[in-house]
């Protein structure tokens, strides 16, 4: 997928034994997917206070029209994931006001993700995650491998480190 002019982010490590939980809050249009394996010791936990907050990256507007069908010409390899992409696109935007993030498993604990433009159906970016992603329809912030509900992650887990990106309209810009 590196053939595009937009930013492609790949963060992956093959580790076995994780499970994938996905939660969606209809009230806030929050989407959080997280995965955790085992229990970390208190010494190995990191609870970063400076991780950017979704609320600090508000969008100007939210797309309210009928979502476009997926434009598979924007990424011909994506036809292999036609069902998951078509279903995600039909639900409408869930990220940065105007975009839909579609996710599917690519091995334990890997998730493949693409960002679809809800207005055009084009696939505009892709990224891999290992313990999910946190994003909202009213925020331009994407946190790949977000901390757990206590705001912590296991420093000794090579694939658990959170990474934050802000959507800049044409791609993702790493900010943390």
C-alpha atoms as a PDB file:
ATOM      1  CA  UNK A   1       0.000   0.000   0.000  1.00  0.00           C
ATOM      2  CA  UNK A   2       3.004   2.328  -0.116  1.00  0.00           C
ATOM      3  CA  UNK A   3       2.131   3.367  -3.661  1.00  0.00           C
ATOM      4  CA  UNK A   4       0.024   6.318  -2.466  1.00  0.00           C
ATOM      5  CA  UNK A   5       0.946   9.942  -1.965  1.00  0.00           C
ATOM      6  CA  UNK A   6      -0.669   9.975   1.468  1.00  0.00           C
ATOM      7  CA  UNK A   7       0.955   8.848   4.667  1.00  0.00           C
ATOM      8  CA  UNK A   8       0.877   5.104   5.242  1.00  0.00           C
ATOM      9  CA  UNK A   9       1.557   4.009   8.776  1.00  0.00           C
ATOM     10  CA  UNK A  10       2.549   0.486   9.661  1.00  0.00           C
ATOM     11  CA  UNK A  11       2.956  -0.601  13.228  1.00  0.00           C
ATOM     12  CA  UNK A  12       3.007  -4.350  13.611  1.00  0.00           C
ATOM     13  CA  UNK A  13       4.666  -7.103  15.585  1.00  0.00           C
ATOM     14  CA  UNK A  14       3.618 -10.732  15.400  1.00  0.00           C
ATOM     15  CA  UNK A  15       2.682 -11.795  18.902  1.00  0.00           C
ATOM     16  CA  UNK A  16       0.324 -14.640  19.731  1.00  0.00           C
ATOM     17  CA  UNK A  17      -2.318 -14.935  22.387  1.00  0.00           C
ATOM     18  CA  UNK A  18      -4.251 -11.646  22.324  1.00  0.00           C
ATOM     19  CA  UNK A  19      -7.937 -11.084  22.057  1.00  0.00           C
ATOM     20  CA  UNK A  20      -9.713  -8.256  20.274  1.00  0.00           C
ATOM     21  CA  UNK A  21     -12.511  -6.303  21.996  1.00  0.00           C
ATOM     22  CA  UNK A  22     -14.321  -3.503  20.209  1.00  0.00           C
ATOM     23  CA  UNK A  23     -16.646  -1.065  21.964  1.00  0.00           C
ATOM     24  CA  UNK A  24     -18.720   1.704  20.441  1.00  0.00           C
ATOM     25  CA  UNK A  25     -20.616   4.341  22.390  1.00  0.00           C
ATOM     26  CA  UNK A  26     -23.555   5.589  20.344  1.00  0.00           C
ATOM     27  CA  UNK A  27     -24.015   8.581  22.634  1.00  0.00           C
ATOM     28  CA  UNK A  28     -20.595  10.080  21.882  1.00  0.00           C
ATOM     29  CA  UNK A  29     -19.813   8.414  18.552  1.00  0.00           C
ATOM     30  CA  UNK A  30     -16.685   7.128  20.305  1.00  0.00           C
ATOM     31  CA  UNK A  31     -14.919   4.210  18.750  1.00  0.00           C
ATOM     32  CA  UNK A  32     -12.364   2.404  20.812  1.00  0.00           C
ATOM     33  CA  UNK A  33     -10.880  -0.952  19.969  1.00  0.00           C
ATOM     34  CA  UNK A  34      -8.435  -2.461  22.404  1.00  0.00           C
ATOM     35  CA  UNK A  35      -6.610  -5.686  23.002  1.00  0.00           C
ATOM     36  CA  UNK A  36      -4.632  -6.770  26.006  1.00  0.00           C
ATOM     37  CA  UNK A  37      -2.839 -10.030  26.737  1.00  0.00           C
ATOM     38  CA  UNK A  38      -2.022 -11.030  30.269  1.00  0.00           C
ATOM     39  CA  UNK A  39      -1.554  -8.682  33.197  1.00  0.00           C
ATOM     40  CA  UNK A  40       1.376  -6.293  33.410  1.00  0.00           C
ATOM     41  CA  UNK A  41       3.338  -5.819  36.603  1.00  0.00           C
ATOM     42  CA  UNK A  42       3.070  -2.414  38.281  1.00  0.00           C
ATOM     43  CA  UNK A  43       6.759  -1.777  37.529  1.00  0.00           C
ATOM     44  CA  UNK A  44       6.269  -2.194  33.798  1.00  0.00           C
ATOM     45  CA  UNK A  45       3.240   0.108  33.486  1.00  0.00           C
ATOM     46  CA  UNK A  46       3.524   3.529  31.943  1.00  0.00           C
ATOM     47  CA  UNK A  47       0.665   6.001  32.351  1.00  0.00           C
ATOM     48  CA  UNK A  48       1.541   9.001  30.153  1.00  0.00           C
ATOM     49  CA  UNK A  49      -0.135  12.208  31.281  1.00  0.00           C
ATOM     50  CA  UNK A  50       0.916  14.047  28.126  1.00  0.00           C
ATOM     51  CA  UNK A  51      -0.902  11.826  25.608  1.00  0.00           C
ATOM     52  CA  UNK A  52      -3.064  14.089  23.411  1.00  0.00           C
ATOM     53  CA  UNK A  53      -6.819  14.082  24.096  1.00  0.00           C
ATOM     54  CA  UNK A  54      -9.464  13.464  21.441  1.00  0.00           C
ATOM     55  CA  UNK A  55     -11.434  16.503  22.639  1.00  0.00           C
ATOM     56  CA  UNK A  56      -8.491  18.814  21.865  1.00  0.00           C
ATOM     57  CA  UNK A  57      -8.680  18.100  18.113  1.00  0.00           C
ATOM     58  CA  UNK A  58     -12.251  19.102  17.266  1.00  0.00           C
ATOM     59  CA  UNK A  59     -13.500  19.129  13.676  1.00  0.00           C
ATOM     60  CA  UNK A  60     -15.313  22.065  12.068  1.00  0.00           C
ATOM     61  CA  UNK A  61     -18.156  20.000  10.617  1.00  0.00           C
ATOM     62  CA  UNK A  62     -19.508  16.468  10.358  1.00  0.00           C
ATOM     63  CA  UNK A  63     -20.598  14.897   7.057  1.00  0.00           C
ATOM     64  CA  UNK A  64     -24.367  14.250   7.188  1.00  0.00           C
ATOM     65  CA  UNK A  65     -25.048  13.110   3.614  1.00  0.00           C
ATOM     66  CA  UNK A  66     -25.482   9.615   2.262  1.00  0.00           C
ATOM     67  CA  UNK A  67     -22.090   7.847   2.448  1.00  0.00           C
ATOM     68  CA  UNK A  68     -20.582   6.991  -0.924  1.00  0.00           C
ATOM     69  CA  UNK A  69     -19.940   3.391  -1.920  1.00  0.00           C
ATOM     70  CA  UNK A  70     -16.318   2.277  -1.617  1.00  0.00           C
ATOM     71  CA  UNK A  71     -14.232   3.285  -4.637  1.00  0.00           C
ATOM     72  CA  UNK A  72     -12.171   0.139  -5.078  1.00  0.00           C
ATOM     73  CA  UNK A  73     -10.184   1.767  -7.891  1.00  0.00           C
ATOM     74  CA  UNK A  74      -8.507   3.910  -5.215  1.00  0.00           C
ATOM     75  CA  UNK A  75      -6.858   0.715  -3.906  1.00  0.00           C
ATOM     76  CA  UNK A  76      -7.409  -2.344  -6.113  1.00  0.00           C
ATOM     77  CA  UNK A  77      -5.887  -4.670  -3.469  1.00  0.00           C
ATOM     78  CA  UNK A  78      -8.732  -3.718  -1.131  1.00  0.00           C
ATOM     79  CA  UNK A  79     -11.221  -5.799  -3.157  1.00  0.00           C
ATOM     80  CA  UNK A  80     -10.099  -8.727  -1.015  1.00  0.00           C
ATOM     81  CA  UNK A  81     -11.838  -7.002   1.925  1.00  0.00           C
ATOM     82  CA  UNK A  82     -14.944  -5.942  -0.010  1.00  0.00           C
ATOM     83  CA  UNK A  83     -17.460  -7.060   2.648  1.00  0.00           C
ATOM     84  CA  UNK A  84     -15.889  -5.321   5.646  1.00  0.00           C
ATOM     85  CA  UNK A  85     -15.183  -2.142   3.666  1.00  0.00           C
ATOM     86  CA  UNK A  86     -18.674  -1.992   2.154  1.00  0.00           C
ATOM     87  CA  UNK A  87     -20.327  -2.450   5.560  1.00  0.00           C
ATOM     88  CA  UNK A  88     -18.100   0.150   7.213  1.00  0.00           C
ATOM     89  CA  UNK A  89     -18.670   2.702   4.444  1.00  0.00           C
ATOM     90  CA  UNK A  90     -22.461   2.240   4.676  1.00  0.00           C
ATOM     91  CA  UNK A  91     -22.401   3.178   8.398  1.00  0.00           C
ATOM     92  CA  UNK A  92     -20.982   6.592   7.547  1.00  0.00           C
ATOM     93  CA  UNK A  93     -18.228   8.650   9.139  1.00  0.00           C
ATOM     94  CA  UNK A  94     -16.706   7.704  12.494  1.00  0.00           C
ATOM     95  CA  UNK A  95     -13.486   9.759  12.305  1.00  0.00           C
ATOM     96  CA  UNK A  96     -12.528  13.392  11.707  1.00  0.00           C
ATOM     97  CA  UNK A  97     -16.035  14.447  10.691  1.00  0.00           C
ATOM     98  CA  UNK A  98     -15.865  13.132   7.171  1.00  0.00           C
ATOM     99  CA  UNK A  99     -14.044   9.785   7.210  1.00  0.00           C
ATOM    100  CA  UNK A 100     -14.765   6.167   8.081  1.00  0.00           C
ATOM    101  CA  UNK A 101     -12.173   3.872   9.612  1.00  0.00           C
ATOM    102  CA  UNK A 102     -12.701   0.226   8.664  1.00  0.00           C
ATOM    103  CA  UNK A 103     -10.858  -2.469  10.618  1.00  0.00           C
ATOM    104  CA  UNK A 104     -10.263  -6.194  10.175  1.00  0.00           C
ATOM    105  CA  UNK A 105      -7.935  -8.745  11.737  1.00  0.00           C
ATOM    106  CA  UNK A 106      -4.623  -9.610  10.102  1.00  0.00           C
ATOM    107  CA  UNK A 107      -3.375 -12.143  12.645  1.00  0.00           C
ATOM    108  CA  UNK A 108      -3.034 -12.072  16.380  1.00  0.00           C
ATOM    109  CA  UNK A 109      -2.852  -9.294  17.586  1.00  0.00           C
ATOM    110  CA  UNK A 110      -2.684  -7.361  14.305  1.00  0.00           C
ATOM    111  CA  UNK A 111      -5.490  -5.221  12.866  1.00  0.00           C
ATOM    112  CA  UNK A 112      -5.463  -3.704   9.384  1.00  0.00           C
ATOM    113  CA  UNK A 113      -7.246  -0.362   9.069  1.00  0.00           C
ATOM    114  CA  UNK A 114      -8.142   1.909   6.185  1.00  0.00           C
ATOM    115  CA  UNK A 115      -9.558   5.404   6.186  1.00  0.00           C
ATOM    116  CA  UNK A 116     -12.365   5.967   3.670  1.00  0.00           C
ATOM    117  CA  UNK A 117     -13.629   9.359   2.551  1.00  0.00           C
ATOM    118  CA  UNK A 118     -17.396   9.226   3.283  1.00  0.00           C
ATOM    119  CA  UNK A 119     -18.173  11.679   0.491  1.00  0.00           C
ATOM    120  CA  UNK A 120     -16.200  10.040  -2.316  1.00  0.00           C
ATOM    121  CA  UNK A 121     -15.724   6.456  -1.126  1.00  0.00           C
ATOM    122  CA  UNK A 122     -11.985   6.681  -1.838  1.00  0.00           C
ATOM    123  CA  UNK A 123      -9.501   4.891   0.401  1.00  0.00           C
ATOM    124  CA  UNK A 124      -7.252   7.753   1.494  1.00  0.00           C
ATOM    125  CA  UNK A 125      -4.923   6.154   4.071  1.00  0.00           C
ATOM    126  CA  UNK A 126      -4.116   2.906   5.818  1.00  0.00           C
ATOM    127  CA  UNK A 127      -2.435   1.837   9.032  1.00  0.00           C
ATOM    128  CA  UNK A 128      -1.925  -1.263  11.149  1.00  0.00           C
ATOM    129  CA  UNK A 129      -2.534  -1.481  14.862  1.00  0.00           C
ATOM    130  CA  UNK A 130      -1.874  -4.156  17.439  1.00  0.00           C
ATOM    131  CA  UNK A 131      -4.049  -3.230  20.403  1.00  0.00           C
ATOM    132  CA  UNK A 132      -6.687  -1.268  18.527  1.00  0.00           C
ATOM    133  CA  UNK A 133      -7.252   2.402  17.871  1.00  0.00           C
ATOM    134  CA  UNK A 134      -9.146   5.241  19.551  1.00  0.00           C
ATOM    135  CA  UNK A 135     -10.949   7.860  17.468  1.00  0.00           C
ATOM    136  CA  UNK A 136     -14.210   9.813  17.264  1.00  0.00           C
ATOM    137  CA  UNK A 137     -16.292  11.362  14.527  1.00  0.00           C
ATOM    138  CA  UNK A 138     -15.871  14.816  16.127  1.00  0.00           C
ATOM    139  CA  UNK A 139     -12.065  14.608  16.484  1.00  0.00           C
ATOM    140  CA  UNK A 140      -9.093  14.704  14.077  1.00  0.00           C
ATOM    141  CA  UNK A 141      -6.962  12.726  16.578  1.00  0.00           C
ATOM    142  CA  UNK A 142      -6.200   9.039  16.042  1.00  0.00           C
ATOM    143  CA  UNK A 143      -4.486   7.091  18.802  1.00  0.00           C
ATOM    144  CA  UNK A 144      -3.085   3.789  17.574  1.00  0.00           C
ATOM    145  CA  UNK A 145      -2.612   1.233  20.375  1.00  0.00           C
ATOM    146  CA  UNK A 146      -4.361   3.395  22.999  1.00  0.00           C
ATOM    147  CA  UNK A 147      -3.692   2.960  26.706  1.00  0.00           C
ATOM    148  CA  UNK A 148      -6.148   0.915  28.757  1.00  0.00           C
ATOM    149  CA  UNK A 149      -9.122   2.425  30.614  1.00  0.00           C
ATOM    150  CA  UNK A 150      -6.787   3.542  33.433  1.00  0.00           C
ATOM    151  CA  UNK A 151      -4.621   5.444  30.920  1.00  0.00           C
ATOM    152  CA  UNK A 152      -1.717   2.986  31.127  1.00  0.00           C
ATOM    153  CA  UNK A 153       0.137   0.568  28.884  1.00  0.00           C
ATOM    154  CA  UNK A 154       2.811  -2.084  29.467  1.00  0.00           C
ATOM    155  CA  UNK A 155       6.257  -0.653  28.551  1.00  0.00           C
ATOM    156  CA  UNK A 156       7.622  -4.196  28.234  1.00  0.00           C
ATOM    157  CA  UNK A 157       5.046  -5.048  25.561  1.00  0.00           C
ATOM    158  CA  UNK A 158       6.753  -4.255  22.246  1.00  0.00           C
ATOM    159  CA  UNK A 159       3.465  -3.771  20.404  1.00  0.00           C
ATOM    160  CA  UNK A 160       1.474  -1.868  23.068  1.00  0.00           C
ATOM    161  CA  UNK A 161       3.084   1.590  22.863  1.00  0.00           C
ATOM    162  CA  UNK A 162       0.505   4.244  21.971  1.00  0.00           C
ATOM    163  CA  UNK A 163       1.170   6.473  18.969  1.00  0.00           C
ATOM    164  CA  UNK A 164      -0.899   9.589  18.228  1.00  0.00           C
ATOM    165  CA  UNK A 165      -1.616  11.102  14.819  1.00  0.00           C
ATOM    166  CA  UNK A 166      -3.650  14.116  13.758  1.00  0.00           C
ATOM    167  CA  UNK A 167      -5.571  14.069  10.508  1.00  0.00           C
ATOM    168  CA  UNK A 168      -4.420  16.995   8.347  1.00  0.00           C
ATOM    169  CA  UNK A 169      -6.931  16.582   5.531  1.00  0.00           C
ATOM    170  CA  UNK A 170      -4.618  14.655   3.226  1.00  0.00           C
ATOM    171  CA  UNK A 171      -3.016  12.186   5.603  1.00  0.00           C
ATOM    172  CA  UNK A 172      -1.913  11.444   9.133  1.00  0.00           C
ATOM    173  CA  UNK A 173       0.729  13.536  10.905  1.00  0.00           C
ATOM    174  CA  UNK A 174       2.563  11.884  13.823  1.00  0.00           C
ATOM    175  CA  UNK A 175       2.344  14.077  16.921  1.00  0.00           C
ATOM    176  CA  UNK A 176       3.163  11.753  19.862  1.00  0.00           C
END
